[in-house]
Amino acid sequence: MTVARRLILSIVGFSIVVTLLSTAIQLYIDYRSELEVIENRFDEVEENRLNNLTYNIWVLDDEQIRIFLAGLVNSPYFEYASITDEGRVRWVQGAIKSRRTIEREVDLSLTNDGQDFDLGKIRIVAGLNPVFESLQSRASLFLAAMPLSFFL
């Protein structure tokens, strides 16, 4: 094998390794970013929206509770939401479809006339299937474009 051929193969091999490494790093960054978006959505629900739900549970407004849960599962990432009271599920919306999930369970309580009342727990499940599908399509695009970059 000539020196020129070895040099070309070394350059192409190095380019492939660098491209694969940079693609892997970019996909990891994208994955962490998507997880952060999901965690921020959990935080937003917990900090800003649970007060209304707690009140609706207190007054047993079934329709508003169902609307709240339906709104959660119809938003991006969230697949399932349920409210349990004394260990049994009282309200539920959605279904867990993803193999990999992130979930959060939050105690629901209300203070009335200086007395605290435990109203149950809400469980919210976010599915990671859309995250992995997005990463897979990006990886496919990167890998499909890789041969083109060598010839340009």
Protein backbone atom coordinates (compact mmCIF):
# COMPACT_ATOMS: atom_id res chain seq x y z
CA MET A 1 0.00 0.00 0.00
CA THR A 2 1.38 3.35 -0.97
CA VAL A 3 1.98 6.20 1.42
CA ALA A 4 -0.64 8.33 -0.36
CA ARG A 5 -3.30 5.63 -0.02
CA ARG A 6 -2.47 5.13 3.67
CA LEU A 7 -2.66 8.87 4.26
CA ILE A 8 -6.05 9.11 2.54
CA LEU A 9 -7.42 6.14 4.51
CA SER A 10 -6.09 7.66 7.75
CA ILE A 11 -7.74 11.00 6.99
CA VAL A 12 -11.06 9.35 6.08
CA GLY A 13 -10.91 7.10 9.16
CA PHE A 14 -10.14 10.05 11.42
CA SER A 15 -12.98 12.05 9.83
CA ILE A 16 -15.41 9.19 10.45
CA VAL A 17 -14.38 8.92 14.11
CA VAL A 18 -14.64 12.68 14.65
CA THR A 19 -18.04 12.82 12.93
CA LEU A 20 -19.40 9.90 14.96
CA LEU A 21 -18.05 11.37 18.19
CA SER A 22 -19.48 14.83 17.50
CA THR A 23 -22.83 13.26 16.52
CA ALA A 24 -22.92 11.27 19.77
CA ILE A 25 -22.10 14.38 21.81
CA GLN A 26 -24.78 16.40 20.02
CA LEU A 27 -27.39 13.68 20.56
CA TYR A 28 -26.50 13.49 24.26
CA ILE A 29 -26.85 17.27 24.58
CA ASP A 30 -30.22 17.09 22.81
CA TYR A 31 -31.35 14.26 25.11
CA ARG A 32 -30.40 16.20 28.26
CA SER A 33 -32.16 19.27 26.87
CA GLU A 34 -35.37 17.30 26.26
CA LEU A 35 -35.24 15.88 29.80
CA GLU A 36 -34.82 19.39 31.17
CA VAL A 37 -37.90 20.54 29.22
CA ILE A 38 -39.90 17.67 30.75
CA GLU A 39 -38.67 18.47 34.26
CA ASN A 40 -39.57 22.14 33.73
CA ARG A 41 -43.08 21.09 32.67
CA PHE A 42 -43.42 19.04 35.86
CA ASP A 43 -42.24 22.04 37.90
CA GLU A 44 -44.64 24.38 36.11
CA VAL A 45 -47.60 22.11 36.85
CA GLU A 46 -46.56 21.66 40.47
CA GLU A 47 -45.89 25.34 41.16
CA ASN A 48 -48.62 27.04 39.13
CA ARG A 49 -51.52 24.73 38.43
CA LEU A 50 -52.08 22.47 41.44
CA ASN A 51 -53.80 25.15 43.57
CA ASN A 52 -56.84 25.16 41.28
CA LEU A 53 -56.90 21.36 41.20
CA THR A 54 -56.69 21.18 44.99
CA TYR A 55 -59.63 23.55 45.31
CA ASN A 56 -61.66 21.50 42.80
CA ILE A 57 -60.94 18.33 44.78
CA TRP A 58 -61.97 20.12 47.98
CA VAL A 59 -65.36 21.03 46.52
CA LEU A 60 -65.58 17.70 44.61
CA ASP A 61 -65.99 19.36 41.21
CA ASP A 62 -65.64 16.20 39.08
CA GLU A 63 -65.97 18.02 35.78
CA GLN A 64 -63.16 20.50 36.51
CA ILE A 65 -60.94 17.71 37.83
CA ARG A 66 -61.46 15.70 34.65
CA ILE A 67 -60.82 18.77 32.50
CA PHE A 68 -57.59 19.44 34.41
CA LEU A 69 -56.34 15.87 33.98
CA ALA A 70 -57.37 15.80 30.30
CA GLY A 71 -55.44 19.04 29.77
CA LEU A 72 -52.35 17.44 31.29
CA VAL A 73 -52.42 14.29 29.15
CA ASN A 74 -53.18 16.28 26.00
CA SER A 75 -50.09 18.43 26.48
CA PRO A 76 -46.67 17.47 25.11
CA TYR A 77 -44.86 14.60 26.86
CA PHE A 78 -47.49 13.81 29.52
CA GLU A 79 -49.27 10.51 28.89
CA TYR A 80 -51.02 9.69 32.12
CA ALA A 81 -52.33 11.44 35.21
CA SER A 82 -54.21 10.07 38.19
CA ILE A 83 -55.37 11.26 41.56
CA THR A 84 -55.42 8.82 44.44
CA ASP A 85 -57.06 9.20 47.80
CA GLU A 86 -56.41 6.78 50.65
CA GLY A 87 -54.63 4.39 48.30
CA ARG A 88 -57.32 4.12 45.64
CA VAL A 89 -57.50 5.86 42.29
CA ARG A 90 -60.33 8.39 42.21
CA TRP A 91 -59.70 10.09 38.86
CA VAL A 92 -57.55 9.02 35.92
CA GLN A 93 -56.82 10.22 32.39
CA GLY A 94 -54.60 8.80 29.68
CA ALA A 95 -52.58 5.62 29.45
CA ILE A 96 -48.88 4.87 29.82
CA LYS A 97 -47.71 4.03 26.30
CA SER A 98 -43.97 4.56 26.52
CA ARG A 99 -41.54 1.90 27.65
CA ARG A 100 -39.42 4.51 29.39
CA THR A 101 -41.07 7.16 31.50
CA ILE A 102 -40.43 9.86 34.05
CA GLU A 103 -43.03 10.33 36.72
CA ARG A 104 -43.73 12.64 39.58
CA GLU A 105 -46.08 12.19 42.49
CA VAL A 106 -47.17 15.21 44.51
CA ASP A 107 -49.18 15.41 47.71
CA LEU A 108 -52.34 17.46 47.42
CA SER A 109 -53.27 19.35 50.57
CA LEU A 110 -55.37 22.33 51.51
CA THR A 111 -55.40 24.59 54.55
CA ASN A 112 -58.85 25.76 55.65
CA ASP A 113 -59.43 27.79 58.81
CA GLY A 114 -55.93 26.96 59.99
CA GLN A 115 -56.42 23.23 59.61
CA ASP A 116 -54.49 21.15 57.05
CA PHE A 117 -56.35 18.56 54.98
CA ASP A 118 -54.70 15.79 52.98
CA LEU A 119 -56.66 15.45 49.73
CA GLY A 120 -54.61 12.70 48.13
CA LYS A 121 -51.82 12.55 45.58
CA ILE A 122 -51.50 13.30 41.91
CA ARG A 123 -49.29 11.09 39.77
CA ILE A 124 -48.16 12.46 36.42
CA VAL A 125 -46.27 10.30 33.92
CA ALA A 126 -44.27 11.69 31.01
CA GLY A 127 -43.39 9.30 28.21
CA LEU A 128 -39.93 9.30 26.69
CA ASN A 129 -40.89 7.60 23.41
CA PRO A 130 -41.18 10.96 21.57
CA VAL A 131 -37.74 11.96 22.87
CA PHE A 132 -36.11 8.75 21.64
CA GLU A 133 -37.95 8.89 18.30
CA SER A 134 -36.70 12.45 17.77
CA LEU A 135 -33.13 11.46 18.66
CA GLN A 136 -33.31 8.43 16.39
CA SER A 137 -34.46 10.51 13.43
CA ARG A 138 -31.70 13.08 14.07
CA ALA A 139 -29.09 10.32 14.33
CA SER A 140 -30.31 8.82 11.06
CA LEU A 141 -30.10 12.21 9.39
CA PHE A 142 -26.57 12.81 10.70
CA LEU A 143 -25.39 9.38 9.63
CA ALA A 144 -27.04 9.69 6.19
CA ALA A 145 -25.36 13.05 5.65
CA MET A 146 -21.95 11.78 6.78
CA PRO A 147 -20.92 10.23 3.42
CA LEU A 148 -21.85 13.45 1.65
CA SER A 149 -19.57 15.48 3.88
CA PHE A 150 -16.58 13.34 2.90
CA PHE A 151 -17.02 14.02 -0.78
CA LEU A 152 -17.49 17.77 -0.48
